[in-house]
Amino acid sequence: MKIENKLEKIFEFLNSNREHNHQLQERFYSSVLKPFNSVPEKVISLLYHIANTQSQPKIDNLARFFIGLHENIECLNSFQSFVEFVKPKNETEYNFRTLYLGMEKQSGWGKKTSALFVKTIFHLHNTEYSKDLKIWNDVPKTFEKNDEFFLPVDAVIISIFKKLNSEIKWDFEKVNTTLKKIYKEKEIEVWDDLWFWGFITQNGTGENRKFEWNVNKYWALKETDKNKIQIKIIENKAEIFLKLMN
């Protein structure tokens, strides 16, 4: 089966099961944002949490980023002012693409974490999550012309694409360019759910990963629903997901 056909079947699965990862994301966003009252505090909390998803964060570089942020704390008051703070000088648009390009250039930030931050900002303001999670009032609610969405690609997602086609050298760029040939920005956002299903169906690391239901990884995620009935539902869905990669 061609990889395009496999991708379409996986996309259909992801699109039909959005509520599971959505609930997890909602709990995560709430835990990160709700303890704080001011907009700058919320943004800084979010940035710290996302920066620390890196397996080997470059502490000195991240420190420089956060020092600069605190020295320009007013930039956190709106989407436009934050984009203005991080964006490359040659960029004139205030959209998700520019935010990604700007974050990627920041000290201590990589492609995956930059894409993860942009994805999170989109989620918090696209009206599909609780209104009280909204941070800024000027964030685009959808993808306009010339805008672009990048999937936060990490080892979990790369392993899935290797499983689909081991002859291709997969990385952040290759996964995103492959998806962009088939899917539009809003559809690529659906692919963000791939991480959840990939994480709970992988065992081991590196080239030795096995693809199988991993209940321990499910339990390791703080925000997952720990109800026994719900876990069984997820397990059954995970088995369906695993078959789609063969």
Protein backbone atom coordinates (compact mmCIF):
# COMPACT_ATOMS: atom_id res chain seq x y z
CA MET A 1 0.00 0.00 0.00
CA LYS A 2 1.32 3.46 -0.92
CA ILE A 3 2.20 5.74 1.97
CA GLU A 4 -0.44 8.24 0.80
CA ASN A 5 -3.13 5.60 1.29
CA LYS A 6 -1.79 4.69 4.72
CA LEU A 7 -1.71 8.35 5.69
CA GLU A 8 -5.31 8.83 4.62
CA LYS A 9 -6.47 5.90 6.75
CA ILE A 10 -4.54 7.23 9.75
CA PHE A 11 -5.94 10.71 9.16
CA GLU A 12 -9.48 9.33 9.15
CA PHE A 13 -8.76 7.57 12.45
CA LEU A 14 -7.31 10.71 14.03
CA ASN A 15 -10.16 12.88 12.83
CA SER A 16 -12.75 10.44 14.18
CA ASN A 17 -11.14 10.19 17.62
CA ARG A 18 -10.21 13.76 18.42
CA GLU A 19 -12.00 13.87 21.75
CA HIS A 20 -9.44 11.67 23.52
CA ASN A 21 -6.37 13.83 22.92
CA HIS A 22 -8.52 16.97 23.20
CA GLN A 23 -9.44 16.08 26.78
CA LEU A 24 -5.80 15.42 27.62
CA GLN A 25 -4.71 18.73 26.08
CA GLU A 26 -7.45 20.63 27.91
CA ARG A 27 -6.26 19.27 31.25
CA PHE A 28 -2.64 20.10 30.42
CA TYR A 29 -3.43 23.66 29.34
CA SER A 30 -5.52 24.17 32.47
CA SER A 31 -2.73 22.99 34.77
CA VAL A 32 -0.23 25.29 33.07
CA LEU A 33 -2.36 28.44 32.84
CA LYS A 34 -5.03 28.52 35.54
CA PRO A 35 -2.69 28.97 38.53
CA PHE A 36 -1.80 32.41 37.13
CA ASN A 37 -3.82 35.60 36.78
CA SER A 38 -1.84 37.98 34.59
CA VAL A 39 -1.24 37.50 30.88
CA PRO A 40 2.58 37.67 31.16
CA GLU A 41 2.57 35.03 33.90
CA LYS A 42 0.45 32.70 31.77
CA VAL A 43 2.67 33.09 28.70
CA ILE A 44 5.86 32.58 30.70
CA SER A 45 4.43 29.47 32.36
CA LEU A 46 3.51 28.08 28.96
CA LEU A 47 6.93 28.85 27.51
CA TYR A 48 8.71 27.15 30.41
CA HIS A 49 6.58 24.02 30.15
CA ILE A 50 7.08 23.71 26.41
CA ALA A 51 10.80 24.47 26.52
CA ASN A 52 11.22 21.67 29.03
CA THR A 53 9.66 19.08 26.73
CA GLN A 54 13.09 18.92 25.06
CA SER A 55 14.96 15.71 25.83
CA GLN A 56 18.23 17.62 26.17
CA PRO A 57 17.43 21.29 26.72
CA LYS A 58 20.32 23.72 26.33
CA ILE A 59 20.00 25.44 29.68
CA ASP A 60 22.42 28.31 29.02
CA ASN A 61 20.68 29.20 25.76
CA LEU A 62 17.22 29.00 27.30
CA ALA A 63 18.37 31.20 30.17
CA ARG A 64 19.37 33.90 27.68
CA PHE A 65 15.94 33.69 26.08
CA PHE A 66 14.07 34.03 29.36
CA ILE A 67 16.34 36.83 30.58
CA GLY A 68 15.59 38.76 27.39
CA LEU A 69 11.90 38.05 27.82
CA HIS A 70 11.82 39.42 31.36
CA GLU A 71 13.70 42.50 30.22
CA ASN A 72 10.95 43.09 27.64
CA ILE A 73 8.00 41.86 29.68
CA GLU A 74 5.55 44.20 27.92
CA CYS A 75 5.89 42.11 24.75
CA LEU A 76 3.81 39.41 26.45
CA ASN A 77 0.66 41.53 26.58
CA SER A 78 -0.60 40.65 23.10
CA PHE A 79 -0.06 38.24 20.23
CA GLN A 80 1.12 41.00 17.93
CA SER A 81 3.60 42.43 20.42
CA PHE A 82 5.04 38.98 21.11
CA VAL A 83 5.36 38.19 17.41
CA GLU A 84 7.01 41.58 16.97
CA PHE A 85 9.49 40.66 19.71
CA VAL A 86 10.53 37.31 18.20
CA LYS A 87 9.97 37.64 14.45
CA PRO A 88 12.76 37.89 11.89
CA LYS A 89 13.18 41.46 10.63
CA ASN A 90 12.22 40.54 7.07
CA GLU A 91 8.83 39.15 8.10
CA THR A 92 5.85 41.52 7.96
CA GLU A 93 2.90 39.22 8.70
CA TYR A 94 1.58 38.67 12.22
CA ASN A 95 0.43 35.08 11.92
CA PHE A 96 1.28 31.55 13.04
CA ARG A 97 3.95 31.09 10.38
CA THR A 98 5.81 34.21 11.52
CA LEU A 99 5.50 33.16 15.15
CA TYR A 100 7.05 29.79 14.30
CA LEU A 101 9.90 31.34 12.31
CA GLY A 102 10.56 33.77 15.13
CA MET A 103 10.53 31.17 17.89
CA GLU A 104 12.84 28.89 15.93
CA LYS A 105 15.46 31.67 15.93
CA GLN A 106 15.29 32.16 19.68
CA SER A 107 18.12 30.97 21.88
CA GLY A 108 17.45 27.45 23.17
CA TRP A 109 14.45 26.78 20.94
CA GLY A 110 14.34 24.18 18.20
CA LYS A 111 11.95 23.29 15.42
CA LYS A 112 9.84 20.90 17.48
CA THR A 113 9.42 23.14 20.52
CA SER A 114 8.74 26.18 18.33
CA ALA A 115 6.03 24.27 16.46
CA LEU A 116 4.65 22.99 19.77
CA PHE A 117 4.35 26.51 21.16
CA VAL A 118 2.61 27.76 18.00
CA LYS A 119 0.24 24.79 18.04
CA THR A 120 -0.62 25.52 21.65
CA ILE A 121 -1.33 29.19 20.95
CA PHE A 122 -3.61 28.12 18.11
CA HIS A 123 -5.45 25.65 20.34
CA LEU A 124 -6.01 28.16 23.11
CA HIS A 125 -7.61 30.65 20.73
CA ASN A 126 -9.41 28.59 18.07
CA THR A 127 -12.66 28.44 20.14
CA GLU A 128 -12.45 24.63 20.47
CA TYR A 129 -11.09 24.78 24.02
CA SER A 130 -12.48 26.41 27.15
CA LYS A 131 -12.83 30.17 26.87
CA ASP A 132 -11.05 30.73 30.17
CA LEU A 133 -7.86 29.29 28.65
CA LYS A 134 -7.64 32.12 26.17
CA ILE A 135 -4.60 34.35 26.75
CA TRP A 136 -4.58 37.05 24.08
CA ASN A 137 -7.42 38.86 22.29
CA ASP A 138 -5.70 39.35 18.93
CA VAL A 139 -4.76 35.79 17.92
CA PRO A 140 -6.07 34.62 14.52
CA LYS A 141 -8.80 32.02 15.04
CA THR A 142 -7.96 30.25 11.80
CA PHE A 143 -5.29 30.05 9.12
CA GLU A 144 -5.44 32.92 6.66
CA LYS A 145 -3.78 33.19 3.26
CA ASN A 146 0.04 32.91 3.41
CA ASP A 147 -0.15 31.37 6.88
CA GLU A 148 1.41 28.01 7.66
CA PHE A 149 1.17 25.34 10.35
CA PHE A 150 4.06 23.07 11.32
CA LEU A 151 3.51 19.73 12.99
CA PRO A 152 5.65 19.35 16.15
CA VAL A 153 7.66 16.35 15.01
CA ASP A 154 9.68 14.38 17.55
CA ALA A 155 11.07 10.84 17.86
CA VAL A 156 7.61 9.35 18.46
CA ILE A 157 6.23 10.72 15.20
CA ILE A 158 9.39 9.99 13.22
CA SER A 159 9.20 6.36 14.37
CA ILE A 160 5.67 6.11 12.99
CA PHE A 161 6.71 7.45 9.61
CA LYS A 162 9.66 5.05 9.56
CA LYS A 163 7.19 2.27 10.20
CA LEU A 164 5.12 3.45 7.24
CA ASN A 165 8.14 3.69 4.93
CA SER A 166 11.58 2.74 6.20
CA GLU A 167 13.30 3.69 2.93
CA ILE A 168 12.79 7.41 3.50
CA LYS A 169 15.01 9.43 5.83
CA TRP A 170 12.40 11.06 8.04
CA ASP A 171 12.98 14.22 10.06
CA PHE A 172 11.03 17.35 11.01
CA GLU A 173 11.19 18.84 7.51
CA LYS A 174 10.45 15.62 5.64
CA VAL A 175 7.38 14.79 7.71
CA ASN A 176 5.99 18.31 7.34
CA THR A 177 6.67 18.60 3.61
CA THR A 178 5.09 15.18 3.04
CA LEU A 179 1.93 16.15 4.90
CA LYS A 180 1.72 19.59 3.26
CA LYS A 181 1.57 17.96 -0.17
CA ILE A 182 -1.70 16.31 0.83
CA TYR A 183 -3.25 18.32 3.65
CA LYS A 184 -4.08 21.94 4.36
CA GLU A 185 -3.08 23.77 7.54
CA LYS A 186 -6.24 22.97 9.54
CA GLU A 187 -5.94 19.32 8.52
CA ILE A 188 -2.29 19.22 9.56
CA GLU A 189 -3.42 20.42 12.99
CA VAL A 190 -5.46 17.20 13.19
CA TRP A 191 -2.20 15.31 12.73
CA ASP A 192 -1.04 16.70 16.06
CA ASP A 193 -3.10 13.93 17.66
CA LEU A 194 -0.66 11.44 16.13
CA TRP A 195 1.74 11.99 19.02
CA PHE A 196 -0.78 10.79 21.61
CA TRP A 197 -1.61 7.59 19.76
CA GLY A 198 2.01 7.03 18.86
CA PHE A 199 3.28 7.54 22.39
CA ILE A 200 0.91 5.00 23.97
CA THR A 201 1.60 2.38 21.28
CA GLN A 202 5.39 2.36 21.39
CA ASN A 203 7.67 0.38 23.66
CA GLY A 204 11.40 1.03 23.91
CA THR A 205 13.55 3.70 22.28
CA GLY A 206 15.52 4.33 19.13
CA GLU A 207 15.63 1.63 16.48
CA ASN A 208 14.47 -0.97 19.01
CA ARG A 209 10.97 0.45 19.45
CA LYS A 210 8.16 -2.06 19.36
CA PHE A 211 4.70 -1.01 18.26
CA GLU A 212 2.19 -2.31 20.78
CA TRP A 213 -0.31 -1.03 23.33
CA ASN A 214 1.73 0.37 26.22
CA VAL A 215 -0.52 0.90 29.22
CA ASN A 216 2.41 2.09 31.34
CA LYS A 217 3.00 5.01 29.00
CA TYR A 218 -0.68 5.83 29.20
CA TRP A 219 -0.43 5.94 32.99
CA ALA A 220 2.76 7.99 32.78
CA LEU A 221 0.83 10.87 31.21
CA LYS A 222 -0.53 12.89 34.12
CA GLU A 223 -3.50 14.24 32.17
CA THR A 224 -4.93 10.96 30.85
CA ASP A 225 -8.29 9.70 32.10
CA LYS A 226 -7.58 6.99 34.69
CA ASN A 227 -11.08 5.52 34.65
CA LYS A 228 -10.84 1.76 33.94
CA ILE A 229 -13.62 1.82 31.37
CA GLN A 230 -12.01 4.73 29.56
CA ILE A 231 -8.62 2.99 29.55
CA LYS A 232 -10.21 -0.06 27.92
CA ILE A 233 -11.78 2.17 25.28
CA ILE A 234 -8.38 3.74 24.57
CA GLU A 235 -6.74 0.30 24.42
CA ASN A 236 -9.27 -0.87 21.83
CA LYS A 237 -8.75 2.30 19.80
CA ALA A 238 -4.98 1.86 20.06
CA GLU A 239 -5.24 -1.64 18.61
CA ILE A 240 -7.15 -0.21 15.64
CA PHE A 241 -4.48 2.47 15.24
CA LEU A 242 -1.69 -0.12 15.26
CA LYS A 243 -3.31 -2.09 12.44
CA LEU A 244 -3.36 1.01 10.26
CA MET A 245 0.44 1.09 10.17
CA ASN A 246 0.84 -2.41 8.76
